[in-house]
């Protein structure tokens, strides 16, 4: 596992809110190992965004900005973690 992948896995599981921990952590567990280097970079850039904005974008409360509406964002939007927490 590369240093970037380890860092992204940790960050995805420690977002700052339980909801984002569940969404991004389960997404990372499912997809990151198969991502291209470019997709990992796009995911890393998303993790630098505000947690509340990320939650709104991936849950459909607000559309993501055009510059962040790429393949990784679309995968996140389509990702449905199995949980009863929210």
Protein backbone atom coordinates (compact mmCIF):
# COMPACT_ATOMS: atom_id res chain seq x y z
CA UNK A 1 0.00 0.00 0.00
CA UNK A 2 1.44 3.36 -1.00
CA UNK A 3 1.89 6.22 1.45
CA UNK A 4 -0.77 8.23 -0.40
CA UNK A 5 -3.26 5.38 -0.20
CA UNK A 6 -2.63 4.89 3.52
CA UNK A 7 -3.05 8.61 4.14
CA UNK A 8 -6.29 8.76 2.15
CA UNK A 9 -7.71 5.69 3.89
CA UNK A 10 -7.02 7.24 7.29
CA UNK A 11 -8.43 10.62 6.29
CA UNK A 12 -11.58 9.07 4.79
CA UNK A 13 -12.31 7.33 8.10
CA UNK A 14 -11.62 10.47 10.17
CA UNK A 15 -13.53 13.24 8.40
CA UNK A 16 -14.85 15.10 11.44
CA UNK A 17 -18.48 13.98 11.40
CA UNK A 18 -19.89 10.51 11.89
CA UNK A 19 -21.93 10.79 8.69
CA UNK A 20 -18.91 11.64 6.55
CA UNK A 21 -16.80 9.01 8.33
CA UNK A 22 -19.37 6.41 7.27
CA UNK A 23 -19.82 7.66 3.71
CA UNK A 24 -16.19 8.38 2.88
CA UNK A 25 -14.73 5.54 4.95
CA UNK A 26 -16.92 2.89 3.34
CA UNK A 27 -16.27 4.43 -0.08
CA UNK A 28 -12.51 4.32 0.51
CA UNK A 29 -12.70 0.70 1.68
CA UNK A 30 -14.63 -0.26 -1.45
CA UNK A 31 -12.87 1.71 -4.20
CA UNK A 32 -9.51 3.28 -3.37
CA UNK A 33 -7.36 0.20 -3.91
CA UNK A 34 -8.54 0.07 -7.54
CA UNK A 35 -8.21 3.80 -8.28
CA UNK A 36 -5.77 5.16 -10.81
CA UNK A 37 -3.19 7.66 -9.54
CA UNK A 38 -5.28 10.44 -11.11
CA UNK A 39 -8.42 9.28 -9.31
CA UNK A 40 -6.52 9.15 -6.01
CA UNK A 41 -5.43 12.74 -6.62
CA UNK A 42 -9.04 13.79 -7.31
CA UNK A 43 -10.22 12.02 -4.14
CA UNK A 44 -7.45 13.69 -2.16
CA UNK A 45 -8.52 17.09 -3.50
CA UNK A 46 -12.11 16.40 -2.43
CA UNK A 47 -10.99 15.60 1.10
CA UNK A 48 -9.55 19.12 1.35
CA UNK A 49 -13.03 20.59 0.94
CA UNK A 50 -15.29 21.60 3.83
CA UNK A 51 -16.98 18.60 5.50
CA UNK A 52 -20.44 20.17 5.46
CA UNK A 53 -20.14 20.97 1.75
CA UNK A 54 -18.97 17.44 0.97
CA UNK A 55 -21.92 15.97 2.85
CA UNK A 56 -24.37 18.22 1.00
CA UNK A 57 -22.85 17.35 -2.38
CA UNK A 58 -22.75 13.58 -1.93
CA UNK A 59 -26.24 13.41 -0.43
CA UNK A 60 -27.78 15.57 -3.15
CA UNK A 61 -28.72 18.51 -0.94
CA UNK A 62 -26.71 20.75 -3.26
CA UNK A 63 -24.97 20.08 -6.55
CA UNK A 64 -21.18 19.94 -6.46
CA UNK A 65 -19.26 22.77 -8.11
CA UNK A 66 -18.49 22.11 -11.77
CA UNK A 67 -14.75 21.76 -11.16
CA UNK A 68 -15.37 18.99 -8.59
CA UNK A 69 -18.10 17.19 -10.50
CA UNK A 70 -15.82 14.49 -11.94
CA UNK A 71 -15.81 10.70 -12.00
CA UNK A 72 -14.82 10.32 -8.34
CA UNK A 73 -17.57 12.71 -7.20
CA UNK A 74 -20.11 10.83 -9.29
CA UNK A 75 -18.96 7.55 -7.71
CA UNK A 76 -19.36 9.11 -4.25
CA UNK A 77 -22.85 10.33 -5.10
CA UNK A 78 -23.82 6.86 -6.33
CA UNK A 79 -22.22 5.15 -3.30
CA UNK A 80 -24.79 4.05 -0.75
CA UNK A 81 -23.23 2.88 2.50
CA UNK A 82 -25.21 0.30 4.42
CA UNK A 83 -26.14 1.95 7.71
CA UNK A 84 -29.05 3.05 9.82
CA UNK A 85 -27.15 5.97 11.37
CA UNK A 86 -28.70 8.67 9.14
